[in-house]
Amino acid sequence: MDSSKNPHIGESFASFLRDEGIYEAVTATAIKRTLALQIAHEMAVQHISKAEMARRMKTSATQLGRLLDPDNDRVQLDTLMKAASAVGRTLSVTLA
């Protein structure tokens, strides 16, 4: 379909988000939700309780709760690294 005939069709969803000025916020939320789900999955697979996970990370249950909350995108990189290490994984961050 030709986008010149239909003004509702753009180049991509990413370009739409950029046009709306929300690309960075949406991307950050998606990344954080994905990481929270991956960490929770590893905890479940390895039968790691929240108390044990907090102990391994040397943090509080409250901080762990914020980390595992997919709607909380205010998590620091060092916290994500501790969580990855606590489940035997590494955190990889790249520029694309």
N, C-alpha and C. Protein backbone atom coordinates (compact mmCIF):
# COMPACT_ATOMS: atom_id res chain seq x y z
N MET A 1 0.84 -1.18 0.00
CA MET A 1 0.00 0.00 0.00
C MET A 1 0.88 1.24 0.00
N ASP A 2 0.55 2.20 -0.81
CA ASP A 2 1.33 3.43 -0.96
C ASP A 2 0.99 4.39 0.18
N SER A 3 2.03 4.80 0.94
CA SER A 3 1.80 5.68 2.09
C SER A 3 1.35 7.07 1.67
N SER A 4 1.59 7.46 0.42
CA SER A 4 1.13 8.78 -0.02
C SER A 4 -0.39 8.82 -0.16
N LYS A 5 -1.01 7.68 -0.36
CA LYS A 5 -2.47 7.60 -0.47
C LYS A 5 -3.13 7.46 0.90
N ASN A 6 -2.42 6.90 1.85
CA ASN A 6 -2.97 6.69 3.19
C ASN A 6 -2.07 7.37 4.21
N PRO A 7 -2.51 8.48 4.79
CA PRO A 7 -1.65 9.22 5.72
C PRO A 7 -1.41 8.49 7.04
N HIS A 8 -2.12 7.40 7.27
CA HIS A 8 -1.97 6.65 8.52
C HIS A 8 -0.88 5.59 8.44
N ILE A 9 -0.29 5.43 7.28
CA ILE A 9 0.77 4.44 7.11
C ILE A 9 2.10 5.17 7.03
N GLY A 10 3.02 4.81 7.92
CA GLY A 10 4.33 5.44 7.94
C GLY A 10 5.41 4.45 7.60
N GLU A 11 6.64 4.86 7.84
CA GLU A 11 7.78 4.00 7.53
C GLU A 11 7.85 2.80 8.47
N SER A 12 7.71 3.07 9.77
CA SER A 12 7.82 1.99 10.74
C SER A 12 7.20 2.44 12.06
N PHE A 13 7.01 1.47 12.94
CA PHE A 13 6.49 1.80 14.27
C PHE A 13 7.48 2.67 15.01
N ALA A 14 8.77 2.39 14.85
CA ALA A 14 9.80 3.21 15.50
C ALA A 14 9.73 4.65 15.02
N SER A 15 9.51 4.86 13.73
CA SER A 15 9.41 6.23 13.23
C SER A 15 8.17 6.92 13.79
N PHE A 16 7.08 6.17 13.95
CA PHE A 16 5.88 6.73 14.58
C PHE A 16 6.18 7.18 16.00
N LEU A 17 6.86 6.32 16.77
CA LEU A 17 7.19 6.66 18.15
C LEU A 17 8.10 7.89 18.20
N ARG A 18 9.05 7.97 17.27
CA ARG A 18 9.92 9.15 17.21
C ARG A 18 9.12 10.41 16.90
N ASP A 19 8.21 10.29 15.94
CA ASP A 19 7.37 11.43 15.58
C ASP A 19 6.53 11.90 16.76
N GLU A 20 6.12 10.97 17.60
CA GLU A 20 5.32 11.30 18.78
C GLU A 20 6.19 11.79 19.94
N GLY A 21 7.51 11.65 19.80
CA GLY A 21 8.44 12.09 20.84
C GLY A 21 8.52 11.15 22.03
N ILE A 22 8.17 9.88 21.81
CA ILE A 22 8.15 8.93 22.94
C ILE A 22 9.02 7.69 22.68
N TYR A 23 9.81 7.71 21.63
CA TYR A 23 10.61 6.54 21.28
C TYR A 23 11.52 6.10 22.42
N GLU A 24 12.27 7.02 23.00
CA GLU A 24 13.23 6.68 24.05
C GLU A 24 12.52 6.11 25.28
N ALA A 25 11.42 6.74 25.68
CA ALA A 25 10.69 6.28 26.87
C ALA A 25 10.10 4.89 26.65
N VAL A 26 9.52 4.67 25.48
CA VAL A 26 8.91 3.37 25.18
C VAL A 26 9.99 2.29 25.10
N THR A 27 11.10 2.62 24.48
CA THR A 27 12.20 1.66 24.36
C THR A 27 12.77 1.31 25.73
N ALA A 28 12.97 2.31 26.57
CA ALA A 28 13.50 2.06 27.93
C ALA A 28 12.55 1.17 28.73
N THR A 29 11.26 1.43 28.62
CA THR A 29 10.28 0.61 29.34
C THR A 29 10.29 -0.82 28.82
N ALA A 30 10.38 -1.00 27.52
CA ALA A 30 10.40 -2.34 26.93
C ALA A 30 11.64 -3.11 27.37
N ILE A 31 12.78 -2.45 27.39
CA ILE A 31 14.02 -3.10 27.83
C ILE A 31 13.92 -3.50 29.29
N LYS A 32 13.44 -2.60 30.13
CA LYS A 32 13.33 -2.90 31.56
C LYS A 32 12.36 -4.04 31.81
N ARG A 33 11.22 -4.03 31.13
CA ARG A 33 10.25 -5.12 31.30
C ARG A 33 10.84 -6.46 30.88
N THR A 34 11.56 -6.45 29.79
CA THR A 34 12.20 -7.68 29.31
C THR A 34 13.21 -8.20 30.33
N LEU A 35 14.04 -7.31 30.86
CA LEU A 35 15.03 -7.72 31.86
C LEU A 35 14.37 -8.23 33.13
N ALA A 36 13.32 -7.56 33.58
CA ALA A 36 12.62 -8.00 34.79
C ALA A 36 12.03 -9.40 34.59
N LEU A 37 11.45 -9.64 33.43
CA LEU A 37 10.88 -10.96 33.14
C LEU A 37 11.97 -12.02 33.03
N GLN A 38 13.10 -11.68 32.43
CA GLN A 38 14.20 -12.65 32.32
C GLN A 38 14.75 -13.01 33.69
N ILE A 39 14.91 -12.03 34.55
CA ILE A 39 15.42 -12.29 35.90
C ILE A 39 14.43 -13.14 36.68
N ALA A 40 13.15 -12.79 36.61
CA ALA A 40 12.11 -13.57 37.30
C ALA A 40 12.07 -15.00 36.77
N HIS A 41 12.24 -15.16 35.47
CA HIS A 41 12.26 -16.50 34.87
C HIS A 41 13.43 -17.32 35.40
N GLU A 42 14.61 -16.72 35.42
CA GLU A 42 15.79 -17.43 35.95
C GLU A 42 15.60 -17.81 37.41
N MET A 43 15.00 -16.91 38.18
CA MET A 43 14.73 -17.22 39.58
C MET A 43 13.81 -18.43 39.69
N ALA A 44 12.77 -18.48 38.86
CA ALA A 44 11.82 -19.60 38.90
C ALA A 44 12.49 -20.90 38.46
N VAL A 45 13.23 -20.85 37.38
CA VAL A 45 13.90 -22.05 36.86
C VAL A 45 14.88 -22.62 37.88
N GLN A 46 15.59 -21.73 38.56
CA GLN A 46 16.60 -22.15 39.53
C GLN A 46 16.04 -22.29 40.95
N HIS A 47 14.74 -22.09 41.10
CA HIS A 47 14.07 -22.19 42.42
C HIS A 47 14.73 -21.26 43.44
N ILE A 48 14.96 -20.02 43.03
CA ILE A 48 15.54 -19.01 43.92
C ILE A 48 14.40 -18.16 44.47
N SER A 49 14.25 -18.16 45.77
CA SER A 49 13.20 -17.34 46.39
C SER A 49 13.61 -15.87 46.35
N LYS A 50 12.64 -15.00 46.59
CA LYS A 50 12.94 -13.57 46.63
C LYS A 50 13.90 -13.26 47.77
N ALA A 51 13.72 -13.93 48.90
CA ALA A 51 14.61 -13.70 50.05
C ALA A 51 16.04 -14.12 49.70
N GLU A 52 16.18 -15.26 49.04
CA GLU A 52 17.51 -15.74 48.65
C GLU A 52 18.12 -14.82 47.60
N MET A 53 17.31 -14.37 46.66
CA MET A 53 17.81 -13.47 45.62
C MET A 53 18.30 -12.17 46.24
N ALA A 54 17.54 -11.61 47.16
CA ALA A 54 17.95 -10.37 47.83
C ALA A 54 19.26 -10.59 48.59
N ARG A 55 19.38 -11.75 49.24
CA ARG A 55 20.61 -12.06 49.97
C ARG A 55 21.79 -12.13 49.01
N ARG A 56 21.62 -12.82 47.89
CA ARG A 56 22.70 -12.94 46.91
C ARG A 56 23.12 -11.58 46.35
N MET A 57 22.16 -10.71 46.20
CA MET A 57 22.44 -9.38 45.66
C MET A 57 22.93 -8.40 46.72
N LYS A 58 22.86 -8.84 47.98
CA LYS A 58 23.21 -7.97 49.12
C LYS A 58 22.37 -6.69 49.08
N THR A 59 21.06 -6.91 48.96
CA THR A 59 20.12 -5.79 48.90
C THR A 59 18.87 -6.13 49.70
N SER A 60 17.96 -5.21 49.76
CA SER A 60 16.72 -5.41 50.51
C SER A 60 15.65 -6.05 49.62
N ALA A 61 14.66 -6.62 50.28
CA ALA A 61 13.52 -7.18 49.55
C ALA A 61 12.78 -6.08 48.79
N THR A 62 12.75 -4.89 49.36
CA THR A 62 12.10 -3.75 48.70
C THR A 62 12.80 -3.40 47.40
N GLN A 63 14.12 -3.35 47.44
CA GLN A 63 14.90 -3.05 46.23
C GLN A 63 14.69 -4.14 45.18
N LEU A 64 14.68 -5.39 45.61
CA LEU A 64 14.44 -6.50 44.68
C LEU A 64 13.05 -6.37 44.07
N GLY A 65 12.08 -6.00 44.88
CA GLY A 65 10.72 -5.80 44.38
C GLY A 65 10.67 -4.75 43.28
N ARG A 66 11.40 -3.66 43.47
CA ARG A 66 11.46 -2.62 42.43
C ARG A 66 12.12 -3.15 41.16
N LEU A 67 13.15 -3.95 41.34
CA LEU A 67 13.84 -4.54 40.19
C LEU A 67 12.90 -5.45 39.39
N LEU A 68 12.13 -6.26 40.10
CA LEU A 68 11.25 -7.22 39.43
C LEU A 68 9.94 -6.61 38.94
N ASP A 69 9.67 -5.37 39.32
CA ASP A 69 8.45 -4.69 38.88
C ASP A 69 8.62 -4.23 37.44
N PRO A 70 7.91 -4.84 36.49
CA PRO A 70 8.11 -4.47 35.09
C PRO A 70 7.72 -3.03 34.77
N ASP A 71 6.93 -2.41 35.63
CA ASP A 71 6.51 -1.04 35.38
C ASP A 71 7.47 -0.01 35.97
N ASN A 72 8.45 -0.46 36.74
CA ASN A 72 9.43 0.46 37.33
C ASN A 72 10.65 0.49 36.42
N ASP A 73 10.83 1.60 35.72
CA ASP A 73 11.97 1.70 34.81
C ASP A 73 13.10 2.53 35.41
N ARG A 74 13.08 2.72 36.70
CA ARG A 74 14.11 3.50 37.40
C ARG A 74 15.06 2.57 38.15
N VAL A 75 15.71 1.68 37.42
CA VAL A 75 16.64 0.74 38.02
C VAL A 75 18.03 1.05 37.49
N GLN A 76 19.00 1.06 38.39
CA GLN A 76 20.36 1.41 38.01
C GLN A 76 21.08 0.22 37.38
N LEU A 77 22.04 0.53 36.54
CA LEU A 77 22.81 -0.49 35.83
C LEU A 77 23.51 -1.44 36.79
N ASP A 78 24.08 -0.93 37.88
CA ASP A 78 24.79 -1.81 38.81
C ASP A 78 23.82 -2.79 39.49
N THR A 79 22.58 -2.39 39.69
CA THR A 79 21.58 -3.29 40.27
C THR A 79 21.26 -4.41 39.29
N LEU A 80 21.13 -4.08 38.02
CA LEU A 80 20.88 -5.09 37.00
C LEU A 80 22.06 -6.06 36.90
N MET A 81 23.27 -5.55 37.03
CA MET A 81 24.46 -6.40 36.99
C MET A 81 24.48 -7.36 38.18
N LYS A 82 24.14 -6.87 39.36
CA LYS A 82 24.08 -7.73 40.55
C LYS A 82 23.04 -8.82 40.37
N ALA A 83 21.89 -8.46 39.83
CA ALA A 83 20.82 -9.44 39.63
C ALA A 83 21.24 -10.51 38.63
N ALA A 84 21.87 -10.10 37.55
CA ALA A 84 22.34 -11.07 36.56
C ALA A 84 23.35 -12.02 37.19
N SER A 85 24.27 -11.48 37.94
CA SER A 85 25.28 -12.30 38.61
C SER A 85 24.65 -13.26 39.61
N ALA A 86 23.63 -12.80 40.31
CA ALA A 86 22.97 -13.63 41.33
C ALA A 86 22.29 -14.86 40.74
N VAL A 87 21.93 -14.80 39.45
CA VAL A 87 21.33 -15.96 38.80
C VAL A 87 22.31 -16.64 37.84
N GLY A 88 23.60 -16.29 37.97
CA GLY A 88 24.63 -16.94 37.17
C GLY A 88 24.71 -16.46 35.74
N ARG A 89 24.26 -15.27 35.49
CA ARG A 89 24.28 -14.71 34.14
C ARG A 89 25.12 -13.44 34.13
N THR A 90 25.35 -12.91 32.95
CA THR A 90 26.01 -11.62 32.81
C THR A 90 25.06 -10.68 32.08
N LEU A 91 25.24 -9.40 32.33
CA LEU A 91 24.45 -8.38 31.66
C LEU A 91 25.28 -7.83 30.51
N SER A 92 24.69 -7.78 29.34
CA SER A 92 25.39 -7.26 28.17
C SER A 92 24.65 -6.03 27.66
N VAL A 93 25.37 -4.93 27.53
CA VAL A 93 24.80 -3.69 27.03
C VAL A 93 25.62 -3.28 25.81
N THR A 94 24.94 -3.02 24.71
CA THR A 94 25.64 -2.62 23.48
C THR A 94 24.97 -1.40 22.87
N LEU A 95 25.73 -0.67 22.10
CA LEU A 95 25.17 0.42 21.30
C LEU A 95 24.88 -0.13 19.92
N ALA A 96 23.72 0.20 19.40
CA ALA A 96 23.36 -0.30 18.07
C ALA A 96 23.13 0.86 17.12
